[in-house]
Amino acid sequence: MPLSFNNLRIGKTYRLINFGQKTEFEVMEINEDENHRLKDINTLEEAFLQDLLFEGRGKDYDLEEI
């Protein structure tokens, strides 16, 4: 069962799978509107959580701590 976005913690790393796309990221900042600032641990690019979920949640959606 996937984690809730309320369980994300600053400095922890997570893996998000959605529509076949795997993203591993570290949480840099937690915002009240749940649009958290993230850093991809493979490319070191920064993004926001809403950028990863702009298509919605697919049948393969999974969020886990790594």
PDB file of N, CA and C in Angstrom:
ATOM      1  N   MET A   1       0.840  -1.167   0.000  1.00  0.00           N
ATOM      2  CA  MET A   1       0.000   0.000   0.000  1.00  0.00           C
ATOM      3  C   MET A   1       0.894   1.243   0.000  1.00  0.00           C
ATOM      4  N   PRO A   2       0.612   2.211  -0.885  1.00  0.00           N
ATOM      5  CA  PRO A   2       1.455   3.405  -0.977  1.00  0.00           C
ATOM      6  C   PRO A   2       1.347   4.291   0.262  1.00  0.00           C
ATOM      7  N   LEU A   3       2.417   5.030   0.510  1.00  0.00           N
ATOM      8  CA  LEU A   3       2.421   6.001   1.597  1.00  0.00           C
ATOM      9  C   LEU A   3       1.536   7.184   1.241  1.00  0.00           C
ATOM     10  N   SER A   4       1.076   7.876   2.260  1.00  0.00           N
ATOM     11  CA  SER A   4       0.343   9.117   2.080  1.00  0.00           C
ATOM     12  C   SER A   4       1.344  10.263   1.984  1.00  0.00           C
ATOM     13  N   PHE A   5       0.989  11.336   1.299  1.00  0.00           N
ATOM     14  CA  PHE A   5       1.871  12.492   1.201  1.00  0.00           C
ATOM     15  C   PHE A   5       2.074  13.148   2.562  1.00  0.00           C
ATOM     16  N   ASN A   6       1.186  12.898   3.512  1.00  0.00           N
ATOM     17  CA  ASN A   6       1.349  13.422   4.866  1.00  0.00           C
ATOM     18  C   ASN A   6       2.505  12.753   5.600  1.00  0.00           C
ATOM     19  N   ASN A   7       2.936  11.587   5.138  1.00  0.00           N
ATOM     20  CA  ASN A   7       4.018  10.848   5.781  1.00  0.00           C
ATOM     21  C   ASN A   7       5.402  11.228   5.267  1.00  0.00           C
ATOM     22  N   LEU A   8       5.486  12.096   4.253  1.00  0.00           N
ATOM     23  CA  LEU A   8       6.782  12.505   3.729  1.00  0.00           C
ATOM     24  C   LEU A   8       7.508  13.365   4.752  1.00  0.00           C
ATOM     25  N   ARG A   9       8.824  13.171   4.859  1.00  0.00           N
ATOM     26  CA  ARG A   9       9.647  13.900   5.825  1.00  0.00           C
ATOM     27  C   ARG A   9      10.851  14.504   5.118  1.00  0.00           C
ATOM     28  N   ILE A  10      11.258  15.683   5.550  1.00  0.00           N
ATOM     29  CA  ILE A  10      12.406  16.374   4.978  1.00  0.00           C
ATOM     30  C   ILE A  10      13.661  15.530   5.189  1.00  0.00           C
ATOM     31  N   GLY A  11      14.465  15.396   4.126  1.00  0.00           N
ATOM     32  CA  GLY A  11      15.717  14.657   4.194  1.00  0.00           C
ATOM     33  C   GLY A  11      15.586  13.179   3.906  1.00  0.00           C
ATOM     34  N   LYS A  12      14.394  12.645   3.843  1.00  0.00           N
ATOM     35  CA  LYS A  12      14.183  11.225   3.534  1.00  0.00           C
ATOM     36  C   LYS A  12      14.072  11.048   2.026  1.00  0.00           C
ATOM     37  N   THR A  13      14.385   9.838   1.541  1.00  0.00           N
ATOM     38  CA  THR A  13      14.290   9.539   0.119  1.00  0.00           C
ATOM     39  C   THR A  13      13.142   8.576  -0.141  1.00  0.00           C
ATOM     40  N   TYR A  14      12.494   8.765  -1.282  1.00  0.00           N
ATOM     41  CA  TYR A  14      11.310   7.994  -1.634  1.00  0.00           C
ATOM     42  C   TYR A  14      11.370   7.599  -3.099  1.00  0.00           C
ATOM     43  N   ARG A  15      10.609   6.559  -3.448  1.00  0.00           N
ATOM     44  CA  ARG A  15      10.454   6.121  -4.833  1.00  0.00           C
ATOM     45  C   ARG A  15       8.977   6.255  -5.184  1.00  0.00           C
ATOM     46  N   LEU A  16       8.715   6.958  -6.277  1.00  0.00           N
ATOM     47  CA  LEU A  16       7.356   7.133  -6.776  1.00  0.00           C
ATOM     48  C   LEU A  16       7.243   6.441  -8.118  1.00  0.00           C
ATOM     49  N   ILE A  17       6.264   5.560  -8.251  1.00  0.00           N
ATOM     50  CA  ILE A  17       5.967   4.903  -9.512  1.00  0.00           C
ATOM     51  C   ILE A  17       4.571   5.343  -9.915  1.00  0.00           C
ATOM     52  N   ASN A  18       4.453   5.888 -11.128  1.00  0.00           N
ATOM     53  CA  ASN A  18       3.159   6.378 -11.602  1.00  0.00           C
ATOM     54  C   ASN A  18       3.161   6.334 -13.124  1.00  0.00           C
ATOM     55  N   PHE A  19       2.200   5.637 -13.703  1.00  0.00           N
ATOM     56  CA  PHE A  19       2.103   5.461 -15.151  1.00  0.00           C
ATOM     57  C   PHE A  19       3.395   4.919 -15.739  1.00  0.00           C
ATOM     58  N   GLY A  20       4.042   3.989 -15.031  1.00  0.00           N
ATOM     59  CA  GLY A  20       5.243   3.346 -15.511  1.00  0.00           C
ATOM     60  C   GLY A  20       6.517   4.157 -15.341  1.00  0.00           C
ATOM     61  N   GLN A  21       6.422   5.367 -14.854  1.00  0.00           N
ATOM     62  CA  GLN A  21       7.592   6.218 -14.660  1.00  0.00           C
ATOM     63  C   GLN A  21       8.051   6.107 -13.208  1.00  0.00           C
ATOM     64  N   LYS A  22       9.323   5.747 -13.010  1.00  0.00           N
ATOM     65  CA  LYS A  22       9.896   5.636 -11.674  1.00  0.00           C
ATOM     66  C   LYS A  22      10.725   6.875 -11.384  1.00  0.00           C
ATOM     67  N   THR A  23      10.492   7.475 -10.226  1.00  0.00           N
ATOM     68  CA  THR A  23      11.241   8.653  -9.802  1.00  0.00           C
ATOM     69  C   THR A  23      11.691   8.433  -8.374  1.00  0.00           C
ATOM     70  N   GLU A  24      12.971   8.632  -8.125  1.00  0.00           N
ATOM     71  CA  GLU A  24      13.510   8.547  -6.769  1.00  0.00           C
ATOM     72  C   GLU A  24      13.913   9.955  -6.366  1.00  0.00           C
ATOM     73  N   PHE A  25      13.431  10.415  -5.227  1.00  0.00           N
ATOM     74  CA  PHE A  25      13.649  11.793  -4.843  1.00  0.00           C
ATOM     75  C   PHE A  25      13.858  11.941  -3.343  1.00  0.00           C
ATOM     76  N   GLU A  26      14.456  13.073  -2.976  1.00  0.00           N
ATOM     77  CA  GLU A  26      14.625  13.468  -1.579  1.00  0.00           C
ATOM     78  C   GLU A  26      13.739  14.687  -1.352  1.00  0.00           C
ATOM     79  N   VAL A  27      13.064  14.729  -0.214  1.00  0.00           N
ATOM     80  CA  VAL A  27      12.200  15.861   0.116  1.00  0.00           C
ATOM     81  C   VAL A  27      13.070  16.993   0.657  1.00  0.00           C
ATOM     82  N   MET A  28      13.005  18.144   0.000  1.00  0.00           N
ATOM     83  CA  MET A  28      13.809  19.302   0.393  1.00  0.00           C
ATOM     84  C   MET A  28      13.017  20.268   1.276  1.00  0.00           C
ATOM     85  N   GLU A  29      11.728  20.425   0.981  1.00  0.00           N
ATOM     86  CA  GLU A  29      10.895  21.381   1.706  1.00  0.00           C
ATOM     87  C   GLU A  29       9.450  20.887   1.676  1.00  0.00           C
ATOM     88  N   ILE A  30       8.763  21.031   2.797  1.00  0.00           N
ATOM     89  CA  ILE A  30       7.364  20.639   2.878  1.00  0.00           C
ATOM     90  C   ILE A  30       6.516  21.903   2.966  1.00  0.00           C
ATOM     91  N   ASN A  31       5.592  22.047   2.028  1.00  0.00           N
ATOM     92  CA  ASN A  31       4.708  23.209   1.983  1.00  0.00           C
ATOM     93  C   ASN A  31       3.328  22.827   2.481  1.00  0.00           C
ATOM     94  N   GLU A  32       2.593  23.788   3.002  1.00  0.00           N
ATOM     95  CA  GLU A  32       1.261  23.519   3.544  1.00  0.00           C
ATOM     96  C   GLU A  32       0.278  23.059   2.480  1.00  0.00           C
ATOM     97  N   ASP A  33       0.459  23.501   1.246  1.00  0.00           N
ATOM     98  CA  ASP A  33      -0.472  23.129   0.178  1.00  0.00           C
ATOM     99  C   ASP A  33      -0.129  21.785  -0.456  1.00  0.00           C
ATOM    100  N   GLU A  34       0.745  21.016   0.183  1.00  0.00           N
ATOM    101  CA  GLU A  34       1.184  19.691  -0.262  1.00  0.00           C
ATOM    102  C   GLU A  34       1.902  19.711  -1.609  1.00  0.00           C
ATOM    103  N   ASN A  35       2.404  20.863  -2.014  1.00  0.00           N
ATOM    104  CA  ASN A  35       3.230  20.944  -3.213  1.00  0.00           C
ATOM    105  C   ASN A  35       4.682  21.024  -2.760  1.00  0.00           C
ATOM    106  N   HIS A  36       5.191  19.911  -2.268  1.00  0.00           N
ATOM    107  CA  HIS A  36       6.513  19.846  -1.662  1.00  0.00           C
ATOM    108  C   HIS A  36       7.615  20.016  -2.706  1.00  0.00           C
ATOM    109  N   ARG A  37       8.732  20.627  -2.290  1.00  0.00           N
ATOM    110  CA  ARG A  37       9.896  20.788  -3.159  1.00  0.00           C
ATOM    111  C   ARG A  37      10.761  19.539  -3.016  1.00  0.00           C
ATOM    112  N   LEU A  38      11.122  18.945  -4.157  1.00  0.00           N
ATOM    113  CA  LEU A  38      11.843  17.678  -4.188  1.00  0.00           C
ATOM    114  C   LEU A  38      13.131  17.817  -4.981  1.00  0.00           C
ATOM    115  N   LYS A  39      14.080  16.893  -4.735  1.00  0.00           N
ATOM    116  CA  LYS A  39      15.303  16.811  -5.531  1.00  0.00           C
ATOM    117  C   LYS A  39      15.448  15.380  -6.014  1.00  0.00           C
ATOM    118  N   ASP A  40      15.497  15.207  -7.319  1.00  0.00           N
ATOM    119  CA  ASP A  40      15.704  13.890  -7.911  1.00  0.00           C
ATOM    120  C   ASP A  40      17.095  13.410  -7.522  1.00  0.00           C
ATOM    121  N   ILE A  41      17.203  12.222  -6.936  1.00  0.00           N
ATOM    122  CA  ILE A  41      18.501  11.761  -6.439  1.00  0.00           C
ATOM    123  C   ILE A  41      19.394  11.225  -7.550  1.00  0.00           C
ATOM    124  N   ASN A  42      18.844  11.014  -8.745  1.00  0.00           N
ATOM    125  CA  ASN A  42      19.653  10.535  -9.864  1.00  0.00           C
ATOM    126  C   ASN A  42      20.189  11.680 -10.720  1.00  0.00           C
ATOM    127  N   THR A  43      19.358  12.703 -10.957  1.00  0.00           N
ATOM    128  CA  THR A  43      19.767  13.812 -11.822  1.00  0.00           C
ATOM    129  C   THR A  43      20.064  15.084 -11.047  1.00  0.00           C
ATOM    130  N   LEU A  44      19.718  15.130  -9.769  1.00  0.00           N
ATOM    131  CA  LEU A  44      19.900  16.284  -8.893  1.00  0.00           C
ATOM    132  C   LEU A  44      19.064  17.491  -9.309  1.00  0.00           C
ATOM    133  N   GLU A  45      18.073  17.296 -10.187  1.00  0.00           N
ATOM    134  CA  GLU A  45      17.166  18.373 -10.569  1.00  0.00           C
ATOM    135  C   GLU A  45      16.119  18.569  -9.483  1.00  0.00           C
ATOM    136  N   GLU A  46      15.711  19.808  -9.293  1.00  0.00           N
ATOM    137  CA  GLU A  46      14.663  20.096  -8.321  1.00  0.00           C
ATOM    138  C   GLU A  46      13.324  20.206  -9.037  1.00  0.00           C
ATOM    139  N   ALA A  47      12.278  19.781  -8.360  1.00  0.00           N
ATOM    140  CA  ALA A  47      10.927  19.822  -8.909  1.00  0.00           C
ATOM    141  C   ALA A  47       9.945  19.928  -7.753  1.00  0.00           C
ATOM    142  N   PHE A  48       8.689  20.075  -8.095  1.00  0.00           N
ATOM    143  CA  PHE A  48       7.633  20.085  -7.096  1.00  0.00           C
ATOM    144  C   PHE A  48       6.793  18.822  -7.253  1.00  0.00           C
ATOM    145  N   LEU A  49       6.186  18.400  -6.178  1.00  0.00           N
ATOM    146  CA  LEU A  49       5.393  17.170  -6.180  1.00  0.00           C
ATOM    147  C   LEU A  49       4.290  17.214  -7.235  1.00  0.00           C
ATOM    148  N   GLN A  50       3.646  18.350  -7.402  1.00  0.00           N
ATOM    149  CA  GLN A  50       2.578  18.454  -8.399  1.00  0.00           C
ATOM    150  C   GLN A  50       3.100  18.237  -9.816  1.00  0.00           C
ATOM    151  N   ASP A  51       4.392  18.534 -10.054  1.00  0.00           N
ATOM    152  CA  ASP A  51       4.979  18.275 -11.372  1.00  0.00           C
ATOM    153  C   ASP A  51       5.022  16.783 -11.674  1.00  0.00           C
ATOM    154  N   LEU A  52       5.185  15.966 -10.642  1.00  0.00           N
ATOM    155  CA  LEU A  52       5.243  14.514 -10.832  1.00  0.00           C
ATOM    156  C   LEU A  52       3.860  13.891 -10.973  1.00  0.00           C
ATOM    157  N   LEU A  53       2.837  14.582 -10.476  1.00  0.00           N
ATOM    158  CA  LEU A  53       1.490  14.028 -10.485  1.00  0.00           C
ATOM    159  C   LEU A  53       0.539  14.795 -11.394  1.00  0.00           C
ATOM    160  N   PHE A  54       1.076  15.521 -12.373  1.00  0.00           N
ATOM    161  CA  PHE A  54       0.224  16.352 -13.214  1.00  0.00           C
ATOM    162  C   PHE A  54      -0.764  15.537 -14.037  1.00  0.00           C
ATOM    163  N   GLU A  55      -0.472  14.277 -14.302  1.00  0.00           N
ATOM    164  CA  GLU A  55      -1.370  13.407 -15.067  1.00  0.00           C
ATOM    165  C   GLU A  55      -2.368  12.682 -14.174  1.00  0.00           C
ATOM    166  N   GLY A  56      -2.288  12.855 -12.880  1.00  0.00           N
ATOM    167  CA  GLY A  56      -3.132  12.121 -11.951  1.00  0.00           C
ATOM    168  C   GLY A  56      -2.415  10.879 -11.445  1.00  0.00           C
ATOM    169  N   ARG A  57      -3.162   9.986 -10.855  1.00  0.00           N
ATOM    170  CA  ARG A  57      -2.594   8.750 -10.311  1.00  0.00           C
ATOM    171  C   ARG A  57      -3.060   7.568 -11.153  1.00  0.00           C
ATOM    172  N   GLY A  58      -2.082   6.817 -11.648  1.00  0.00           N
ATOM    173  CA  GLY A  58      -2.392   5.658 -12.480  1.00  0.00           C
ATOM    174  C   GLY A  58      -2.645   4.416 -11.645  1.00  0.00           C
ATOM    175  N   LYS A  59      -2.998   3.336 -12.310  1.00  0.00           N
ATOM    176  CA  LYS A  59      -3.273   2.061 -11.628  1.00  0.00           C
ATOM    177  C   LYS A  59      -2.025   1.507 -10.959  1.00  0.00           C
ATOM    178  N   ASP A  60      -0.845   1.877 -11.467  1.00  0.00           N
ATOM    179  CA  ASP A  60       0.400   1.363 -10.909  1.00  0.00           C
ATOM    180  C   ASP A  60       1.008   2.314  -9.870  1.00  0.00           C
ATOM    181  N   TYR A  61       0.263   3.317  -9.420  1.00  0.00           N
ATOM    182  CA  TYR A  61       0.763   4.306  -8.472  1.00  0.00           C
ATOM    183  C   TYR A  61       1.276   3.635  -7.194  1.00  0.00           C
ATOM    184  N   ASP A  62       2.504   4.010  -6.809  1.00  0.00           N
ATOM    185  CA  ASP A  62       3.077   3.504  -5.573  1.00  0.00           C
ATOM    186  C   ASP A  62       4.076   4.531  -5.052  1.00  0.00           C
ATOM    187  N   LEU A  63       4.080   4.763  -3.763  1.00  0.00           N
ATOM    188  CA  LEU A  63       5.005   5.668  -3.114  1.00  0.00           C
ATOM    189  C   LEU A  63       5.573   4.942  -1.912  1.00  0.00           C
ATOM    190  N   GLU A  64       6.908   4.787  -1.874  1.00  0.00           N
ATOM    191  CA  GLU A  64       7.535   4.067  -0.774  1.00  0.00           C
ATOM    192  C   GLU A  64       8.843   4.728  -0.382  1.00  0.00           C
ATOM    193  N   GLU A  65       9.225   4.570   0.875  1.00  0.00           N
ATOM    194  CA  GLU A  65      10.500   5.097   1.359  1.00  0.00           C
ATOM    195  C   GLU A  65      11.605   4.129   0.977  1.00  0.00           C
ATOM    196  N   ILE A  66      12.754   4.679   0.570  1.00  0.00           N
ATOM    197  CA  ILE A  66      13.896   3.825   0.236  1.00  0.00           C
ATOM    198  C   ILE A  66      15.072   4.163   1.105  1.00  0.00           C
TER     199      ILE A  66
END
